[in-house]
Amino acid sequence: MKIFYSQKFNKVLISLPIGIKRIYKKQEDIFLINWKDPQLHAKKIINTVLFSFRVTRKYRVLFKFTDENSALFLSIGHRKDVYN
């Protein structure tokens, strides 16, 4: 699996606390191996082409597939904000 990052994703990731960044990196490694891994709690967002997975109980990553083997990470943030 290849991952591409939007500018918004990179900008927000830089501003996150270091602990969240570390956990995100572990989750990204799992995503690269198997995006359906239960540890990620990946879900399709209803009525869209978007998906999300858990970084922590409070933080999520929004992404979409650009093709069968590639994903574009669109946003990362607190679950109350990331879906807006």
PDB file of N, CA and C in Angstrom:
ATOM      1  N   MET A   1       0.852  -1.177   0.000  1.00  0.00           N
ATOM      2  CA  MET A   1       0.000   0.000   0.000  1.00  0.00           C
ATOM      3  C   MET A   1       0.893   1.234   0.000  1.00  0.00           C
ATOM      4  N   LYS A   2       0.574   2.160  -0.867  1.00  0.00           N
ATOM      5  CA  LYS A   2       1.262   3.456  -0.900  1.00  0.00           C
ATOM      6  C   LYS A   2       0.362   4.493  -0.247  1.00  0.00           C
ATOM      7  N   ILE A   3       0.983   5.408   0.455  1.00  0.00           N
ATOM      8  CA  ILE A   3       0.241   6.488   1.096  1.00  0.00           C
ATOM      9  C   ILE A   3       0.734   7.822   0.549  1.00  0.00           C
ATOM     10  N   PHE A   4      -0.222   8.664   0.192  1.00  0.00           N
ATOM     11  CA  PHE A   4       0.059  10.030  -0.204  1.00  0.00           C
ATOM     12  C   PHE A   4      -0.611  10.931   0.827  1.00  0.00           C
ATOM     13  N   TYR A   5      -0.070  12.135   0.999  1.00  0.00           N
ATOM     14  CA  TYR A   5      -0.549  13.035   2.050  1.00  0.00           C
ATOM     15  C   TYR A   5      -0.981  14.364   1.444  1.00  0.00           C
ATOM     16  N   SER A   6      -2.151  14.838   1.858  1.00  0.00           N
ATOM     17  CA  SER A   6      -2.595  16.163   1.418  1.00  0.00           C
ATOM     18  C   SER A   6      -1.815  17.219   2.196  1.00  0.00           C
ATOM     19  N   GLN A   7      -1.815  18.434   1.676  1.00  0.00           N
ATOM     20  CA  GLN A   7      -1.141  19.538   2.370  1.00  0.00           C
ATOM     21  C   GLN A   7      -1.775  19.780   3.735  1.00  0.00           C
ATOM     22  N   LYS A   8      -3.103  19.694   3.783  1.00  0.00           N
ATOM     23  CA  LYS A   8      -3.811  19.893   5.049  1.00  0.00           C
ATOM     24  C   LYS A   8      -3.367  18.845   6.073  1.00  0.00           C
ATOM     25  N   PHE A   9      -3.259  17.595   5.642  1.00  0.00           N
ATOM     26  CA  PHE A   9      -2.834  16.524   6.543  1.00  0.00           C
ATOM     27  C   PHE A   9      -1.460  16.837   7.128  1.00  0.00           C
ATOM     28  N   ASN A  10      -0.513  17.168   6.267  1.00  0.00           N
ATOM     29  CA  ASN A  10       0.847  17.463   6.730  1.00  0.00           C
ATOM     30  C   ASN A  10       0.881  18.648   7.686  1.00  0.00           C
ATOM     31  N   LYS A  11       0.111  19.670   7.376  1.00  0.00           N
ATOM     32  CA  LYS A  11       0.091  20.872   8.212  1.00  0.00           C
ATOM     33  C   LYS A  11      -0.438  20.555   9.609  1.00  0.00           C
ATOM     34  N   VAL A  12      -1.517  19.794   9.683  1.00  0.00           N
ATOM     35  CA  VAL A  12      -2.106  19.457  10.978  1.00  0.00           C
ATOM     36  C   VAL A  12      -1.217  18.478  11.741  1.00  0.00           C
ATOM     37  N   LEU A  13      -0.642  17.509  11.042  1.00  0.00           N
ATOM     38  CA  LEU A  13       0.212  16.515  11.698  1.00  0.00           C
ATOM     39  C   LEU A  13       1.380  17.175  12.431  1.00  0.00           C
ATOM     40  N   ILE A  14       1.970  18.178  11.817  1.00  0.00           N
ATOM     41  CA  ILE A  14       3.101  18.888  12.427  1.00  0.00           C
ATOM     42  C   ILE A  14       2.705  19.526  13.761  1.00  0.00           C
ATOM     43  N   SER A  15       1.469  19.989  13.852  1.00  0.00           N
ATOM     44  CA  SER A  15       1.033  20.710  15.054  1.00  0.00           C
ATOM     45  C   SER A  15       0.519  19.801  16.174  1.00  0.00           C
ATOM     46  N   LEU A  16       0.419  18.501  15.938  1.00  0.00           N
ATOM     47  CA  LEU A  16      -0.095  17.596  16.958  1.00  0.00           C
ATOM     48  C   LEU A  16       0.941  17.354  18.061  1.00  0.00           C
ATOM     49  N   PRO A  17       0.463  16.992  19.254  1.00  0.00           N
ATOM     50  CA  PRO A  17       1.397  16.656  20.341  1.00  0.00           C
ATOM     51  C   PRO A  17       2.271  15.458  19.962  1.00  0.00           C
ATOM     52  N   ILE A  18       3.471  15.423  20.484  1.00  0.00           N
ATOM     53  CA  ILE A  18       4.441  14.386  20.120  1.00  0.00           C
ATOM     54  C   ILE A  18       3.925  12.981  20.416  1.00  0.00           C
ATOM     55  N   GLY A  19       3.190  12.805  21.507  1.00  0.00           N
ATOM     56  CA  GLY A  19       2.643  11.496  21.842  1.00  0.00           C
ATOM     57  C   GLY A  19       1.663  10.999  20.797  1.00  0.00           C
ATOM     58  N   ILE A  20       0.841  11.886  20.280  1.00  0.00           N
ATOM     59  CA  ILE A  20      -0.120  11.527  19.238  1.00  0.00           C
ATOM     60  C   ILE A  20       0.627  11.183  17.953  1.00  0.00           C
ATOM     61  N   LYS A  21       1.691  11.919  17.641  1.00  0.00           N
ATOM     62  CA  LYS A  21       2.487  11.626  16.444  1.00  0.00           C
ATOM     63  C   LYS A  21       3.093  10.232  16.513  1.00  0.00           C
ATOM     64  N   ARG A  22       3.583   9.854  17.687  1.00  0.00           N
ATOM     65  CA  ARG A  22       4.182   8.516  17.847  1.00  0.00           C
ATOM     66  C   ARG A  22       3.147   7.424  17.624  1.00  0.00           C
ATOM     67  N   ILE A  23       1.980   7.599  18.228  1.00  0.00           N
ATOM     68  CA  ILE A  23       0.922   6.602  18.071  1.00  0.00           C
ATOM     69  C   ILE A  23       0.468   6.567  16.616  1.00  0.00           C
ATOM     70  N   TYR A  24       0.352   7.750  15.992  1.00  0.00           N
ATOM     71  CA  TYR A  24      -0.032   7.795  14.581  1.00  0.00           C
ATOM     72  C   TYR A  24       0.940   6.975  13.733  1.00  0.00           C
ATOM     73  N   LYS A  25       2.229   7.118  13.969  1.00  0.00           N
ATOM     74  CA  LYS A  25       3.232   6.397  13.176  1.00  0.00           C
ATOM     75  C   LYS A  25       3.027   4.886  13.293  1.00  0.00           C
ATOM     76  N   LYS A  26       2.732   4.404  14.498  1.00  0.00           N
ATOM     77  CA  LYS A  26       2.466   2.976  14.690  1.00  0.00           C
ATOM     78  C   LYS A  26       1.226   2.544  13.909  1.00  0.00           C
ATOM     79  N   GLN A  27       0.194   3.371  13.957  1.00  0.00           N
ATOM     80  CA  GLN A  27      -1.034   3.051  13.234  1.00  0.00           C
ATOM     81  C   GLN A  27      -0.801   3.086  11.718  1.00  0.00           C
ATOM     82  N   GLU A  28       0.015   4.024  11.265  1.00  0.00           N
ATOM     83  CA  GLU A  28       0.340   4.097   9.830  1.00  0.00           C
ATOM     84  C   GLU A  28       1.071   2.829   9.391  1.00  0.00           C
ATOM     85  N   ASP A  29       1.976   2.330  10.212  1.00  0.00           N
ATOM     86  CA  ASP A  29       2.689   1.091   9.884  1.00  0.00           C
ATOM     87  C   ASP A  29       1.724  -0.078   9.746  1.00  0.00           C
ATOM     88  N   ILE A  30       0.744  -0.136  10.628  1.00  0.00           N
ATOM     89  CA  ILE A  30      -0.280  -1.182  10.534  1.00  0.00           C
ATOM     90  C   ILE A  30      -1.080  -1.005   9.247  1.00  0.00           C
ATOM     91  N   PHE A  31      -1.450   0.234   8.938  1.00  0.00           N
ATOM     92  CA  PHE A  31      -2.211   0.543   7.725  1.00  0.00           C
ATOM     93  C   PHE A  31      -1.474   0.068   6.476  1.00  0.00           C
ATOM     94  N   LEU A  32      -0.179   0.273   6.431  1.00  0.00           N
ATOM     95  CA  LEU A  32       0.609  -0.126   5.270  1.00  0.00           C
ATOM     96  C   LEU A  32       0.557  -1.633   5.028  1.00  0.00           C
ATOM     97  N   ILE A  33       0.479  -2.398   6.092  1.00  0.00           N
ATOM     98  CA  ILE A  33       0.424  -3.854   5.972  1.00  0.00           C
ATOM     99  C   ILE A  33      -0.984  -4.324   5.637  1.00  0.00           C
ATOM    100  N   ASN A  34      -1.977  -3.800   6.372  1.00  0.00           N
ATOM    101  CA  ASN A  34      -3.361  -4.235   6.176  1.00  0.00           C
ATOM    102  C   ASN A  34      -4.293  -3.153   6.697  1.00  0.00           C
ATOM    103  N   TRP A  35      -4.915  -2.417   5.797  1.00  0.00           N
ATOM    104  CA  TRP A  35      -5.780  -1.318   6.223  1.00  0.00           C
ATOM    105  C   TRP A  35      -7.040  -1.811   6.930  1.00  0.00           C
ATOM    106  N   LYS A  36      -7.355  -3.091   6.809  1.00  0.00           N
ATOM    107  CA  LYS A  36      -8.536  -3.661   7.475  1.00  0.00           C
ATOM    108  C   LYS A  36      -8.210  -4.257   8.847  1.00  0.00           C
ATOM    109  N   ASP A  37      -7.004  -4.081   9.319  1.00  0.00           N
ATOM    110  CA  ASP A  37      -6.602  -4.613  10.621  1.00  0.00           C
ATOM    111  C   ASP A  37      -7.546  -4.077  11.704  1.00  0.00           C
ATOM    112  N   PRO A  38      -8.066  -4.957  12.555  1.00  0.00           N
ATOM    113  CA  PRO A  38      -9.019  -4.520  13.594  1.00  0.00           C
ATOM    114  C   PRO A  38      -8.477  -3.449  14.550  1.00  0.00           C
ATOM    115  N   GLN A  39      -7.171  -3.377  14.708  1.00  0.00           N
ATOM    116  CA  GLN A  39      -6.586  -2.359  15.586  1.00  0.00           C
ATOM    117  C   GLN A  39      -6.865  -0.943  15.105  1.00  0.00           C
ATOM    118  N   LEU A  40      -7.101  -0.797  13.805  1.00  0.00           N
ATOM    119  CA  LEU A  40      -7.336   0.526  13.233  1.00  0.00           C
ATOM    120  C   LEU A  40      -8.782   0.993  13.368  1.00  0.00           C
ATOM    121  N   HIS A  41      -9.708   0.061  13.535  1.00  0.00           N
ATOM    122  CA  HIS A  41     -11.128   0.411  13.575  1.00  0.00           C
ATOM    123  C   HIS A  41     -11.517   1.225  12.340  1.00  0.00           C
ATOM    124  N   ALA A  42     -11.036   0.805  11.177  1.00  0.00           N
ATOM    125  CA  ALA A  42     -11.313   1.531   9.932  1.00  0.00           C
ATOM    126  C   ALA A  42     -12.783   1.376   9.554  1.00  0.00           C
ATOM    127  N   LYS A  43     -13.370   2.487   9.117  1.00  0.00           N
ATOM    128  CA  LYS A  43     -14.780   2.493   8.742  1.00  0.00           C
ATOM    129  C   LYS A  43     -14.992   3.386   7.528  1.00  0.00           C
ATOM    130  N   LYS A  44     -15.939   2.975   6.696  1.00  0.00           N
ATOM    131  CA  LYS A  44     -16.351   3.814   5.566  1.00  0.00           C
ATOM    132  C   LYS A  44     -17.332   4.847   6.091  1.00  0.00           C
ATOM    133  N   ILE A  45     -17.187   6.063   5.647  1.00  0.00           N
ATOM    134  CA  ILE A  45     -18.108   7.122   6.042  1.00  0.00           C
ATOM    135  C   ILE A  45     -19.300   7.073   5.094  1.00  0.00           C
ATOM    136  N   ILE A  46     -20.457   6.931   5.659  1.00  0.00           N
ATOM    137  CA  ILE A  46     -21.688   6.720   4.895  1.00  0.00           C
ATOM    138  C   ILE A  46     -21.904   7.824   3.860  1.00  0.00           C
ATOM    139  N   ASN A  47     -22.325   7.407   2.671  1.00  0.00           N
ATOM    140  CA  ASN A  47     -22.664   8.297   1.545  1.00  0.00           C
ATOM    141  C   ASN A  47     -21.486   9.111   1.024  1.00  0.00           C
ATOM    142  N   THR A  48     -20.261   8.606   1.219  1.00  0.00           N
ATOM    143  CA  THR A  48     -19.073   9.279   0.683  1.00  0.00           C
ATOM    144  C   THR A  48     -18.106   8.221   0.166  1.00  0.00           C
ATOM    145  N   VAL A  49     -17.001   8.672  -0.394  1.00  0.00           N
ATOM    146  CA  VAL A  49     -15.919   7.761  -0.802  1.00  0.00           C
ATOM    147  C   VAL A  49     -14.817   7.754   0.259  1.00  0.00           C
ATOM    148  N   LEU A  50     -15.092   8.383   1.397  1.00  0.00           N
ATOM    149  CA  LEU A  50     -14.094   8.542   2.447  1.00  0.00           C
ATOM    150  C   LEU A  50     -14.162   7.423   3.485  1.00  0.00           C
ATOM    151  N   PHE A  51     -13.013   7.197   4.110  1.00  0.00           N
ATOM    152  CA  PHE A  51     -12.884   6.248   5.203  1.00  0.00           C
ATOM    153  C   PHE A  51     -12.180   6.948   6.353  1.00  0.00           C
ATOM    154  N   SER A  52     -12.268   6.364   7.533  1.00  0.00           N
ATOM    155  CA  SER A  52     -11.502   6.879   8.666  1.00  0.00           C
ATOM    156  C   SER A  52     -10.921   5.707   9.436  1.00  0.00           C
ATOM    157  N   PHE A  53      -9.826   5.978  10.146  1.00  0.00           N
ATOM    158  CA  PHE A  53      -9.313   5.002  11.097  1.00  0.00           C
ATOM    159  C   PHE A  53      -8.855   5.713  12.351  1.00  0.00           C
ATOM    160  N   ARG A  54      -8.810   4.953  13.435  1.00  0.00           N
ATOM    161  CA  ARG A  54      -8.465   5.480  14.743  1.00  0.00           C
ATOM    162  C   ARG A  54      -6.967   5.605  14.927  1.00  0.00           C
ATOM    163  N   VAL A  55      -6.558   6.731  15.463  1.00  0.00           N
ATOM    164  CA  VAL A  55      -5.193   6.890  15.954  1.00  0.00           C
ATOM    165  C   VAL A  55      -5.238   6.593  17.458  1.00  0.00           C
ATOM    166  N   THR A  56      -6.121   7.299  18.143  1.00  0.00           N
ATOM    167  CA  THR A  56      -6.415   7.026  19.550  1.00  0.00           C
ATOM    168  C   THR A  56      -7.930   7.062  19.671  1.00  0.00           C
ATOM    169  N   ARG A  57      -8.430   6.976  20.875  1.00  0.00           N
ATOM    170  CA  ARG A  57      -9.882   7.062  21.048  1.00  0.00           C
ATOM    171  C   ARG A  57     -10.413   8.427  20.603  1.00  0.00           C
ATOM    172  N   LYS A  58      -9.567   9.448  20.636  1.00  0.00           N
ATOM    173  CA  LYS A  58     -10.010  10.799  20.296  1.00  0.00           C
ATOM    174  C   LYS A  58      -9.571  11.277  18.917  1.00  0.00           C
ATOM    175  N   TYR A  59      -8.540  10.683  18.346  1.00  0.00           N
ATOM    176  CA  TYR A  59      -7.991  11.178  17.084  1.00  0.00           C
ATOM    177  C   TYR A  59      -8.270  10.209  15.942  1.00  0.00           C
ATOM    178  N   ARG A  60      -8.571  10.785  14.776  1.00  0.00           N
ATOM    179  CA  ARG A  60      -8.892  10.000  13.590  1.00  0.00           C
ATOM    180  C   ARG A  60      -8.105  10.510  12.385  1.00  0.00           C
ATOM    181  N   VAL A  61      -7.937   9.619  11.404  1.00  0.00           N
ATOM    182  CA  VAL A  61      -7.372   9.974  10.108  1.00  0.00           C
ATOM    183  C   VAL A  61      -8.468   9.749   9.072  1.00  0.00           C
ATOM    184  N   LEU A  62      -8.694  10.751   8.240  1.00  0.00           N
ATOM    185  CA  LEU A  62      -9.607  10.613   7.104  1.00  0.00           C
ATOM    186  C   LEU A  62      -8.783  10.316   5.866  1.00  0.00           C
ATOM    187  N   PHE A  63      -9.253   9.350   5.073  1.00  0.00           N
ATOM    188  CA  PHE A  63      -8.528   9.007   3.859  1.00  0.00           C
ATOM    189  C   PHE A  63      -9.474   8.496   2.800  1.00  0.00           C
ATOM    190  N   LYS A  64      -8.961   8.442   1.582  1.00  0.00           N
ATOM    191  CA  LYS A  64      -9.699   7.822   0.484  1.00  0.00           C
ATOM    192  C   LYS A  64      -8.708   7.063  -0.374  1.00  0.00           C
ATOM    193  N   PHE A  65      -9.224   6.079  -1.062  1.00  0.00           N
ATOM    194  CA  PHE A  65      -8.378   5.290  -1.950  1.00  0.00           C
ATOM    195  C   PHE A  65      -8.309   5.968  -3.307  1.00  0.00           C
ATOM    196  N   THR A  66      -7.093   6.106  -3.828  1.00  0.00           N
ATOM    197  CA  THR A  66      -6.923   6.683  -5.162  1.00  0.00           C
ATOM    198  C   THR A  66      -6.880   5.587  -6.212  1.00  0.00           C
ATOM    199  N   ASP A  67      -6.472   4.405  -5.806  1.00  0.00           N
ATOM    200  CA  ASP A  67      -6.577   3.199  -6.627  1.00  0.00           C
ATOM    201  C   ASP A  67      -6.473   2.004  -5.696  1.00  0.00           C
ATOM    202  N   GLU A  68      -6.357   0.824  -6.258  1.00  0.00           N
ATOM    203  CA  GLU A  68      -6.377  -0.401  -5.461  1.00  0.00           C
ATOM    204  C   GLU A  68      -5.257  -0.486  -4.420  1.00  0.00           C
ATOM    205  N   ASN A  69      -4.116   0.110  -4.734  1.00  0.00           N
ATOM    206  CA  ASN A  69      -2.949   0.011  -3.848  1.00  0.00           C
ATOM    207  C   ASN A  69      -2.456   1.345  -3.317  1.00  0.00           C
ATOM    208  N   SER A  70      -3.283   2.386  -3.372  1.00  0.00           N
ATOM    209  CA  SER A  70      -2.860   3.718  -2.929  1.00  0.00           C
ATOM    210  C   SER A  70      -3.977   4.405  -2.154  1.00  0.00           C
ATOM    211  N   ALA A  71      -3.565   5.134  -1.133  1.00  0.00           N
ATOM    212  CA  ALA A  71      -4.516   5.905  -0.342  1.00  0.00           C
ATOM    213  C   ALA A  71      -3.999   7.329  -0.176  1.00  0.00           C
ATOM    214  N   LEU A  72      -4.923   8.252  -0.137  1.00  0.00           N
ATOM    215  CA  LEU A  72      -4.611   9.656   0.103  1.00  0.00           C
ATOM    216  C   LEU A  72      -5.125  10.003   1.493  1.00  0.00           C
ATOM    217  N   PHE A  73      -4.216  10.356   2.394  1.00  0.00           N
ATOM    218  CA  PHE A  73      -4.597  10.784   3.729  1.00  0.00           C
ATOM    219  C   PHE A  73      -4.973  12.262   3.633  1.00  0.00           C
ATOM    220  N   LEU A  74      -6.226  12.552   3.942  1.00  0.00           N
ATOM    221  CA  LEU A  74      -6.759  13.899   3.760  1.00  0.00           C
ATOM    222  C   LEU A  74      -6.648  14.776   4.999  1.00  0.00           C
ATOM    223  N   SER A  75      -6.899  14.174   6.161  1.00  0.00           N
ATOM    224  CA  SER A  75      -6.930  14.973   7.378  1.00  0.00           C
ATOM    225  C   SER A  75      -6.664  14.091   8.587  1.00  0.00           C
ATOM    226  N   ILE A  76      -6.180  14.712   9.634  1.00  0.00           N
ATOM    227  CA  ILE A  76      -5.987  14.048  10.913  1.00  0.00           C
ATOM    228  C   ILE A  76      -6.396  15.047  11.978  1.00  0.00           C
ATOM    229  N   GLY A  77      -7.047  14.557  13.030  1.00  0.00           N
ATOM    230  CA  GLY A  77      -7.426  15.469  14.089  1.00  0.00           C
ATOM    231  C   GLY A  77      -8.371  14.842  15.075  1.00  0.00           C
ATOM    232  N   HIS A  78      -8.833  15.672  16.003  1.00  0.00           N
ATOM    233  CA  HIS A  78      -9.779  15.228  17.012  1.00  0.00           C
ATOM    234  C   HIS A  78     -11.072  14.816  16.328  1.00  0.00           C
ATOM    235  N   ARG A  79     -11.693  13.774  16.827  1.00  0.00           N
ATOM    236  CA  ARG A  79     -12.877  13.232  16.169  1.00  0.00           C
ATOM    237  C   ARG A  79     -14.020  14.235  16.069  1.00  0.00           C
ATOM    238  N   LYS A  80     -14.096  15.211  16.983  1.00  0.00           N
ATOM    239  CA  LYS A  80     -15.167  16.207  16.900  1.00  0.00           C
ATOM    240  C   LYS A  80     -14.915  17.233  15.799  1.00  0.00           C
ATOM    241  N   ASP A  81     -13.662  17.329  15.332  1.00  0.00           N
ATOM    242  CA  ASP A  81     -13.326  18.321  14.323  1.00  0.00           C
ATOM    243  C   ASP A  81     -13.029  17.728  12.944  1.00  0.00           C
ATOM    244  N   VAL A  82     -12.503  16.530  12.893  1.00  0.00           N
ATOM    245  CA  VAL A  82     -11.952  15.982  11.659  1.00  0.00           C
ATOM    246  C   VAL A  82     -13.025  15.740  10.585  1.00  0.00           C
ATOM    247  N   TYR A  83     -14.256  15.498  10.978  1.00  0.00           N
ATOM    248  CA  TYR A  83     -15.294  15.186   9.999  1.00  0.00           C
ATOM    249  C   TYR A  83     -15.931  16.423   9.375  1.00  0.00           C
ATOM    250  N   ASN A  84     -15.545  17.609   9.818  1.00  0.00           N
ATOM    251  CA  ASN A  84     -16.126  18.859   9.275  1.00  0.00           C
ATOM    252  C   ASN A  84     -15.491  19.247   7.966  1.00  0.00           C
TER     253      ASN A  84
END
